[in-house]
């Protein structure tokens, strides 16, 4: 039976942020940090008290609780004594903020944070919401979630939230996941085109790695005679460095545009000269969110030729927000994020992607923008999380009330007549 919602109240949410990168909106690469920033902004806009425990070089909308002076700097780096020291300091200071007695919900984004905080937070009786960002096969949840199982009949203290229905299914054998909340972006912050950019370039952006399929994007560009702009970072992983080294033979020009200022003349100063040159495959390096909005907007289409089971894919909704359709591999959560034939094309092979390039100008940019606005905005994401927070708090309040009533009742001696009455019907 559904329990009716108690009176709604504005809750205080503590975000236990990641510290590989600062929490801010203008990162070159930081998908998890971007989402933490967007949740914080959405909750603040809804009147919630949002506290973000993060590095001092972050920029948040709510209350900024500084745990370490600066973020670690590399999104991926091997463990080192200094990194471990900073992580422990961050988690210890986050736990200290959680213990001050004014927190209703703790929102985390990785299993290590929950593992570090769980025993202390359990004693505080503060529920934890954890957004699952990575694929199930890469998660450490299977190793640590046994500690999160409470005694029978009690409510859980950790609530895992998937970012797609596909991801939810992947975690079924590891941990109980009931809720899905799609990522949301600040749609109004993305410039939008009014009509297709026929004859313009193809664009692909993301971490340079075999899973993201930049080699497939190059093959598509060469087969269709299209100019291709590649953007993204190369992490310090042997496999990624090897993959990028193999791509270099196919890249005609490398132009680091990330340091060029973004202003009203950005297209004329930066984009157009590269489009006018005679080079076909151009790598522009790792660019900030402000840069990539312009590259999305002026592209004919964004290629998303992933070679793995992507649990979401921010690239797709960012591109569509600019009115630029996406041609994507039919893997992972892609069919949930895209509408085949309306916001781009979802296909199964590279040959189908090549064929889709010829049809991409039939996609209405306004439909792409409208779809993101109606399904993947910051407001929608924040509303979904706030509904979940409220439901968790209400359930815990009801559980606590029932527990107190039960304890009060059992602590009082039963009258002899009542014991006898019950016995007569046993």
Protein backbone atom coordinates (compact mmCIF):
# COMPACT_ATOMS: atom_id res chain seq x y z
CA UNK A 1 0.00 0.00 0.00
CA UNK A 2 1.35 3.45 -0.90
CA UNK A 3 2.11 5.68 2.06
CA UNK A 4 0.77 9.23 1.50
CA UNK A 5 3.40 11.95 1.33
CA UNK A 6 3.93 13.91 4.51
CA UNK A 7 3.93 17.69 4.35
CA UNK A 8 6.61 18.75 1.87
CA UNK A 9 9.53 20.68 3.29
CA UNK A 10 12.70 22.14 1.88
CA UNK A 11 15.47 19.76 2.82
CA UNK A 12 19.17 20.34 3.44
CA UNK A 13 21.28 18.27 1.06
CA UNK A 14 25.01 17.71 1.48
CA UNK A 15 26.79 16.81 -1.75
CA UNK A 16 29.88 14.72 -1.13
CA UNK A 17 31.61 15.81 -4.32
CA UNK A 18 34.47 14.28 -6.23
CA UNK A 19 37.82 16.10 -6.17
CA UNK A 20 39.61 14.99 -9.33
CA UNK A 21 38.32 18.20 -10.89
CA UNK A 22 36.68 21.28 -9.34
CA UNK A 23 32.89 21.53 -9.29
CA UNK A 24 32.24 24.22 -11.86
CA UNK A 25 30.40 24.66 -15.19
CA UNK A 26 33.32 25.42 -17.52
CA UNK A 27 35.42 22.25 -17.38
CA UNK A 28 37.15 20.82 -20.41
CA UNK A 29 36.46 17.28 -19.19
CA UNK A 30 34.60 16.40 -16.00
CA UNK A 31 31.24 14.68 -16.60
CA UNK A 32 30.61 13.77 -12.96
CA UNK A 33 31.65 17.21 -11.71
CA UNK A 34 29.37 18.83 -14.29
CA UNK A 35 26.40 16.83 -13.05
CA UNK A 36 27.14 17.65 -9.40
CA UNK A 37 27.24 21.32 -10.38
CA UNK A 38 23.94 21.00 -12.25
CA UNK A 39 22.16 19.20 -9.39
CA UNK A 40 23.36 21.87 -6.96
CA UNK A 41 22.12 24.63 -9.27
CA UNK A 42 18.76 22.95 -9.81
CA UNK A 43 18.15 22.38 -6.10
CA UNK A 44 19.09 25.98 -5.25
CA UNK A 45 16.69 27.25 -7.91
CA UNK A 46 13.95 25.18 -6.26
CA UNK A 47 14.64 26.70 -2.84
CA UNK A 48 16.50 23.79 -1.30
CA UNK A 49 19.47 24.29 0.95
CA UNK A 50 22.31 22.75 -1.03
CA UNK A 51 25.76 22.36 0.50
CA UNK A 52 28.64 21.14 -1.66
CA UNK A 53 31.67 19.64 0.11
CA UNK A 54 34.41 20.05 -2.48
CA UNK A 55 37.74 21.66 -3.34
CA UNK A 56 38.41 25.36 -2.88
CA UNK A 57 38.85 26.00 -6.62
CA UNK A 58 35.20 25.05 -7.25
CA UNK A 59 32.32 27.41 -8.05
CA UNK A 60 28.99 26.29 -6.64
CA UNK A 61 25.49 27.79 -6.45
CA UNK A 62 24.72 26.66 -2.92
CA UNK A 63 26.91 26.76 0.17
CA UNK A 64 30.54 25.98 -0.52
CA UNK A 65 32.12 23.81 2.17
CA UNK A 66 35.82 23.62 1.34
CA UNK A 67 37.43 20.26 2.12
CA UNK A 68 40.81 20.70 0.38
CA UNK A 69 42.39 23.79 -1.17
CA UNK A 70 42.64 22.57 -4.76
CA UNK A 71 41.30 19.66 -6.80
CA UNK A 72 43.74 16.89 -7.62
CA UNK A 73 43.96 18.07 -11.22
CA UNK A 74 43.94 14.89 -13.29
CA UNK A 75 40.66 13.14 -14.00
CA UNK A 76 42.57 9.90 -14.02
CA UNK A 77 45.89 9.35 -12.30
CA UNK A 78 47.55 6.44 -10.51
CA UNK A 79 47.35 6.28 -6.74
CA UNK A 80 50.12 8.04 -4.87
CA UNK A 81 50.73 8.94 -1.21
CA UNK A 82 49.81 12.58 -1.93
CA UNK A 83 46.61 11.66 -3.75
CA UNK A 84 45.62 9.32 -0.90
CA UNK A 85 46.33 12.06 1.64
CA UNK A 86 44.15 14.56 -0.21
CA UNK A 87 41.33 12.05 -0.69
CA UNK A 88 41.34 11.13 3.00
CA UNK A 89 41.36 14.81 3.97
CA UNK A 90 38.43 15.50 1.64
CA UNK A 91 36.38 12.57 2.92
CA UNK A 92 37.18 13.29 6.58
CA UNK A 93 36.16 16.93 6.22
CA UNK A 94 33.00 15.94 4.33
CA UNK A 95 32.12 13.54 7.13
CA UNK A 96 32.74 16.31 9.68
CA UNK A 97 30.25 18.54 7.85
CA UNK A 98 27.72 15.72 7.78
CA UNK A 99 27.98 15.33 11.56
CA UNK A 100 26.85 18.90 12.37
CA UNK A 101 23.24 17.83 12.79
CA UNK A 102 21.54 19.88 10.06
CA UNK A 103 21.80 17.47 7.12
CA UNK A 104 18.73 15.59 5.84
CA UNK A 105 20.28 13.77 2.88
CA UNK A 106 23.84 13.06 1.75
CA UNK A 107 24.25 12.77 -2.03
CA UNK A 108 27.36 10.92 -3.22
CA UNK A 109 28.69 9.81 -6.58
CA UNK A 110 31.06 6.90 -5.93
CA UNK A 111 31.24 3.77 -3.82
CA UNK A 112 34.51 4.70 -2.11
CA UNK A 113 32.90 7.75 -0.52
CA UNK A 114 30.03 5.68 0.84
CA UNK A 115 32.40 3.00 2.11
CA UNK A 116 34.44 5.63 3.98
CA UNK A 117 31.43 7.38 5.51
CA UNK A 118 28.94 4.58 6.01
CA UNK A 119 29.51 3.52 9.64
CA UNK A 120 29.50 7.09 10.94
CA UNK A 121 26.54 8.17 8.81
CA UNK A 122 24.58 5.07 9.85
CA UNK A 123 24.90 6.16 13.48
CA UNK A 124 23.72 9.64 12.48
CA UNK A 125 20.68 8.06 10.77
CA UNK A 126 21.19 10.24 7.67
CA UNK A 127 20.20 8.49 4.42
CA UNK A 128 22.65 8.44 1.50
CA UNK A 129 21.71 8.77 -2.17
CA UNK A 130 24.39 7.53 -4.55
CA UNK A 131 24.23 8.28 -8.27
CA UNK A 132 25.76 5.46 -10.30
CA UNK A 133 27.95 7.03 -12.99
CA UNK A 134 30.07 4.14 -14.21
CA UNK A 135 29.19 0.83 -15.80
CA UNK A 136 28.41 -2.12 -13.56
CA UNK A 137 31.47 -4.08 -14.69
CA UNK A 138 33.77 -1.27 -13.55
CA UNK A 139 32.04 -0.70 -10.23
CA UNK A 140 33.37 -1.73 -6.82
CA UNK A 141 29.84 -2.00 -5.42
CA UNK A 142 29.87 -5.79 -5.50
CA UNK A 143 32.76 -5.78 -3.04
CA UNK A 144 31.43 -3.23 -0.56
CA UNK A 145 27.63 -3.24 -0.66
CA UNK A 146 27.29 -6.20 1.70
CA UNK A 147 28.09 -3.78 4.53
CA UNK A 148 25.09 -1.68 3.54
CA UNK A 149 22.52 -4.35 4.23
CA UNK A 150 20.59 -3.41 7.34
CA UNK A 151 18.85 -5.81 9.74
CA UNK A 152 15.58 -7.33 8.46
CA UNK A 153 12.53 -5.04 8.25
CA UNK A 154 14.59 -1.84 8.53
CA UNK A 155 14.86 0.76 5.78
CA UNK A 156 18.08 0.92 3.76
CA UNK A 157 20.51 3.75 4.41
CA UNK A 158 22.01 3.80 0.90
CA UNK A 159 19.77 4.41 -2.11
CA UNK A 160 21.42 3.79 -5.47
CA UNK A 161 20.12 5.79 -8.43
CA UNK A 162 20.81 4.76 -12.02
CA UNK A 163 21.29 7.29 -14.82
CA UNK A 164 19.45 5.16 -17.40
CA UNK A 165 17.17 2.15 -17.55
CA UNK A 166 19.97 0.30 -19.32
CA UNK A 167 22.37 0.97 -16.45
CA UNK A 168 19.71 -0.06 -13.93
CA UNK A 169 19.42 -3.47 -15.61
CA UNK A 170 23.20 -3.87 -15.58
CA UNK A 171 23.33 -3.38 -11.80
CA UNK A 172 20.50 -5.80 -11.00
CA UNK A 173 22.85 -8.61 -9.97
CA UNK A 174 25.01 -6.32 -7.81
CA UNK A 175 22.73 -4.03 -5.81
CA UNK A 176 19.05 -3.12 -5.62
CA UNK A 177 18.36 -0.10 -7.83
CA UNK A 178 14.79 1.17 -7.97
CA UNK A 179 15.12 4.70 -9.34
CA UNK A 180 16.40 6.21 -12.57
CA UNK A 181 17.18 9.91 -12.89
CA UNK A 182 18.47 11.07 -16.25
CA UNK A 183 21.20 13.70 -16.39
CA UNK A 184 20.14 17.29 -16.98
CA UNK A 185 21.90 20.28 -18.50
CA UNK A 186 21.34 24.04 -18.50
CA UNK A 187 19.60 24.04 -21.88
CA UNK A 188 19.24 27.82 -22.06
CA UNK A 189 23.02 28.13 -21.80
CA UNK A 190 23.49 26.36 -25.15
CA UNK A 191 23.27 28.46 -28.33
CA UNK A 192 20.88 26.97 -30.87
CA UNK A 193 20.77 27.00 -34.68
CA UNK A 194 17.54 27.72 -36.53
CA UNK A 195 18.16 25.51 -39.55
CA UNK A 196 20.50 22.67 -40.58
CA UNK A 197 24.10 23.61 -41.44
CA UNK A 198 24.18 21.84 -44.79
CA UNK A 199 27.70 21.25 -46.02
CA UNK A 200 29.30 21.98 -42.66
CA UNK A 201 31.60 19.66 -40.74
CA UNK A 202 30.97 16.52 -38.71
CA UNK A 203 31.93 16.78 -35.05
CA UNK A 204 32.94 14.20 -32.48
CA UNK A 205 33.92 14.97 -28.89
CA UNK A 206 34.90 12.82 -25.93
CA UNK A 207 37.80 11.18 -24.21
CA UNK A 208 40.16 9.85 -26.89
CA UNK A 209 39.88 6.12 -26.42
CA UNK A 210 38.89 3.07 -28.42
CA UNK A 211 35.55 2.88 -26.57
CA UNK A 212 34.52 6.29 -27.94
CA UNK A 213 35.23 5.25 -31.52
CA UNK A 214 37.16 8.20 -32.96
CA UNK A 215 38.67 5.80 -35.50
CA UNK A 216 35.14 4.99 -36.68
CA UNK A 217 34.36 8.71 -36.96
CA UNK A 218 37.41 9.17 -39.19
CA UNK A 219 36.29 6.30 -41.42
CA UNK A 220 32.82 7.86 -41.72
CA UNK A 221 34.28 11.25 -42.65
CA UNK A 222 36.55 9.77 -45.31
CA UNK A 223 33.75 7.68 -46.85
CA UNK A 224 31.38 10.68 -47.01
CA UNK A 225 34.01 13.25 -48.01
CA UNK A 226 33.15 15.31 -44.92
CA UNK A 227 35.42 17.51 -42.86
CA UNK A 228 35.72 16.07 -39.34
CA UNK A 229 36.54 18.01 -36.18
CA UNK A 230 37.74 15.83 -33.27
CA UNK A 231 37.83 17.22 -29.73
CA UNK A 232 38.76 15.52 -26.48
CA UNK A 233 41.40 14.70 -23.93
CA UNK A 234 43.94 11.89 -23.95
CA UNK A 235 44.19 10.49 -20.43
CA UNK A 236 47.43 9.12 -19.06
CA UNK A 237 46.45 5.51 -19.65
CA UNK A 238 48.69 3.24 -21.77
CA UNK A 239 45.79 1.95 -23.87
CA UNK A 240 44.51 5.47 -24.59
CA UNK A 241 47.97 6.80 -25.47
CA UNK A 242 48.50 3.85 -27.81
CA UNK A 243 45.09 4.41 -29.44
CA UNK A 244 45.80 8.13 -29.98
CA UNK A 245 49.21 7.35 -31.46
CA UNK A 246 47.46 5.13 -34.00
CA UNK A 247 45.05 7.93 -34.92
CA UNK A 248 47.79 10.44 -35.66
CA UNK A 249 48.47 8.98 -39.11
CA UNK A 250 44.87 9.81 -40.05
CA UNK A 251 44.82 13.33 -38.55
CA UNK A 252 45.69 15.99 -41.12
CA UNK A 253 46.00 18.92 -38.72
CA UNK A 254 46.26 19.46 -34.95
CA UNK A 255 45.14 22.89 -33.77
CA UNK A 256 44.97 23.57 -30.03
CA UNK A 257 42.06 26.02 -29.81
CA UNK A 258 41.28 25.60 -26.12
CA UNK A 259 43.23 28.70 -25.10
CA UNK A 260 41.51 30.99 -27.59
CA UNK A 261 38.98 33.28 -25.85
CA UNK A 262 35.29 32.65 -26.46
CA UNK A 263 33.35 35.74 -27.55
CA UNK A 264 30.85 36.87 -30.19
CA UNK A 265 33.51 36.62 -32.92
CA UNK A 266 34.58 33.09 -32.03
CA UNK A 267 33.16 31.56 -35.22
CA UNK A 268 34.91 34.09 -37.46
CA UNK A 269 38.21 34.04 -35.58
CA UNK A 270 38.56 30.35 -34.73
CA UNK A 271 36.08 28.06 -36.45
CA UNK A 272 35.85 29.49 -39.97
CA UNK A 273 39.61 29.51 -40.71
CA UNK A 274 39.77 25.79 -39.92
CA UNK A 275 36.73 25.13 -42.10
CA UNK A 276 38.26 27.06 -44.99
CA UNK A 277 41.59 25.25 -44.88
CA UNK A 278 42.24 22.23 -47.10
CA UNK A 279 42.71 19.77 -44.19
CA UNK A 280 39.97 17.17 -43.73
CA UNK A 281 40.56 15.50 -40.35
CA UNK A 282 41.35 18.12 -37.69
CA UNK A 283 42.06 17.51 -34.00
CA UNK A 284 41.41 20.59 -31.82
CA UNK A 285 42.48 19.17 -28.45
CA UNK A 286 40.71 19.31 -25.13
CA UNK A 287 38.26 22.23 -25.06
CA UNK A 288 36.11 23.76 -22.32
CA UNK A 289 32.31 23.61 -22.24
CA UNK A 290 32.14 27.21 -23.49
CA UNK A 291 34.22 26.28 -26.54
CA UNK A 292 32.40 23.07 -27.33
CA UNK A 293 28.99 24.79 -27.40
CA UNK A 294 30.12 26.72 -30.49
CA UNK A 295 31.56 23.62 -32.16
CA UNK A 296 28.29 21.75 -31.50
CA UNK A 297 26.19 24.59 -32.87
CA UNK A 298 27.98 24.98 -36.19
CA UNK A 299 28.35 21.26 -36.93
CA UNK A 300 26.22 19.51 -39.50
CA UNK A 301 25.97 16.53 -37.12
CA UNK A 302 27.68 15.08 -34.08
CA UNK A 303 29.00 11.55 -34.44
CA UNK A 304 28.70 9.25 -31.40
CA UNK A 305 30.17 5.97 -32.69
CA UNK A 306 30.72 4.37 -29.28
CA UNK A 307 32.18 0.88 -29.06
CA UNK A 308 30.98 0.08 -25.55
CA UNK A 309 27.78 0.06 -23.50
CA UNK A 310 27.60 3.75 -22.54
CA UNK A 311 25.38 4.20 -19.42
CA UNK A 312 24.23 7.67 -20.56
CA UNK A 313 26.15 10.01 -22.89
CA UNK A 314 26.14 13.75 -22.13
CA UNK A 315 27.50 14.46 -25.62
CA UNK A 316 24.16 13.53 -27.17
CA UNK A 317 22.01 15.91 -25.13
CA UNK A 318 24.56 18.74 -25.35
CA UNK A 319 24.61 18.46 -29.13
CA UNK A 320 20.83 18.26 -29.43
CA UNK A 321 20.47 21.28 -27.13
CA UNK A 322 22.33 23.27 -29.83
CA UNK A 323 19.96 21.93 -32.47
CA UNK A 324 22.63 19.64 -33.91
CA UNK A 325 21.40 16.09 -34.58
CA UNK A 326 23.40 13.05 -33.53
CA UNK A 327 24.32 9.89 -35.41
CA UNK A 328 24.90 7.30 -32.70
CA UNK A 329 25.70 3.63 -32.25
CA UNK A 330 22.80 1.56 -30.96
CA UNK A 331 24.53 0.55 -27.74
CA UNK A 332 24.01 1.05 -24.01
CA UNK A 333 21.56 3.82 -23.15
CA UNK A 334 21.63 5.46 -26.60
CA UNK A 335 18.09 4.34 -27.58
CA UNK A 336 16.76 5.96 -24.38
CA UNK A 337 18.44 9.30 -25.04
CA UNK A 338 17.83 9.61 -28.79
CA UNK A 339 14.64 9.54 -30.85
CA UNK A 340 15.59 7.79 -34.06
CA UNK A 341 14.53 9.83 -37.08
CA UNK A 342 13.63 12.93 -35.03
CA UNK A 343 16.75 13.98 -33.12
CA UNK A 344 19.19 12.07 -35.29
CA UNK A 345 19.74 8.43 -36.15
CA UNK A 346 20.44 5.37 -34.00
CA UNK A 347 22.21 2.75 -36.10
CA UNK A 348 23.96 -0.60 -35.72
CA UNK A 349 26.93 -0.38 -38.07
CA UNK A 350 29.50 2.05 -39.46
CA UNK A 351 27.98 1.59 -42.92
CA UNK A 352 24.61 2.65 -41.53
CA UNK A 353 26.27 5.74 -40.03
CA UNK A 354 27.74 6.59 -43.42
CA UNK A 355 24.28 6.29 -44.99
CA UNK A 356 22.75 8.39 -42.19
CA UNK A 357 25.08 11.31 -42.98
CA UNK A 358 23.24 11.70 -46.29
CA UNK A 359 19.89 12.01 -44.48
CA UNK A 360 20.94 14.15 -41.53
CA UNK A 361 19.81 17.46 -43.07
CA UNK A 362 16.20 16.26 -42.79
CA UNK A 363 16.34 16.58 -38.99
CA UNK A 364 14.74 19.74 -37.59
CA UNK A 365 17.13 21.54 -35.18
CA UNK A 366 14.16 22.97 -33.28
CA UNK A 367 12.90 19.45 -32.59
CA UNK A 368 16.31 18.49 -31.16
CA UNK A 369 16.30 21.48 -28.82
CA UNK A 370 12.69 20.97 -27.80
CA UNK A 371 13.31 17.31 -26.97
CA UNK A 372 16.22 18.10 -24.63
CA UNK A 373 14.24 20.92 -22.99
CA UNK A 374 11.36 18.53 -22.27
CA UNK A 375 13.41 15.57 -21.04
CA UNK A 376 16.95 16.51 -19.98
CA UNK A 377 16.89 19.95 -18.36
CA UNK A 378 18.45 20.84 -15.00
CA UNK A 379 14.97 21.57 -13.65
CA UNK A 380 13.64 18.12 -14.56
CA UNK A 381 16.69 16.39 -13.06
CA UNK A 382 16.52 18.44 -9.84
CA UNK A 383 12.78 17.79 -9.50
CA UNK A 384 13.33 14.04 -9.83
CA UNK A 385 16.04 14.08 -7.16
CA UNK A 386 14.00 16.29 -4.83
CA UNK A 387 11.03 13.90 -5.15
CA UNK A 388 13.33 11.01 -4.29
CA UNK A 389 14.85 12.86 -1.31
CA UNK A 390 11.38 13.68 0.00
CA UNK A 391 10.14 10.12 -0.38
CA UNK A 392 13.19 8.76 1.47
CA UNK A 393 12.82 11.27 4.31
CA UNK A 394 9.08 10.61 4.62
CA UNK A 395 9.61 6.86 4.76
CA UNK A 396 12.29 7.25 7.42
CA UNK A 397 10.05 9.56 9.48
CA UNK A 398 7.20 7.07 9.32
CA UNK A 399 9.56 4.22 10.20
CA UNK A 400 10.99 6.17 13.14
CA UNK A 401 7.50 7.04 14.38
CA UNK A 402 6.38 3.42 14.17
CA UNK A 403 9.52 2.29 15.97
CA UNK A 404 8.94 4.78 18.81
CA UNK A 405 5.28 3.78 19.14
CA UNK A 406 6.27 0.12 19.20
CA UNK A 407 8.99 0.76 21.80
CA UNK A 408 6.65 2.82 24.00
CA UNK A 409 3.95 0.18 23.80
CA UNK A 410 6.24 -2.73 24.59
CA UNK A 411 7.88 -0.86 27.47
CA UNK A 412 4.54 -0.64 29.34
CA UNK A 413 3.29 -3.75 31.21
CA UNK A 414 0.15 -5.24 29.67
CA UNK A 415 -2.95 -5.51 31.90
CA UNK A 416 -3.68 -9.10 32.99
CA UNK A 417 -7.06 -9.09 31.24
CA UNK A 418 -5.43 -8.24 27.89
CA UNK A 419 -2.91 -11.07 28.18
CA UNK A 420 -5.74 -13.47 29.01
CA UNK A 421 -7.88 -12.18 26.12
CA UNK A 422 -5.11 -12.72 23.61
CA UNK A 423 -4.42 -16.18 25.02
CA UNK A 424 -8.04 -17.25 24.55
CA UNK A 425 -7.77 -16.63 20.85
CA UNK A 426 -4.39 -18.24 20.31
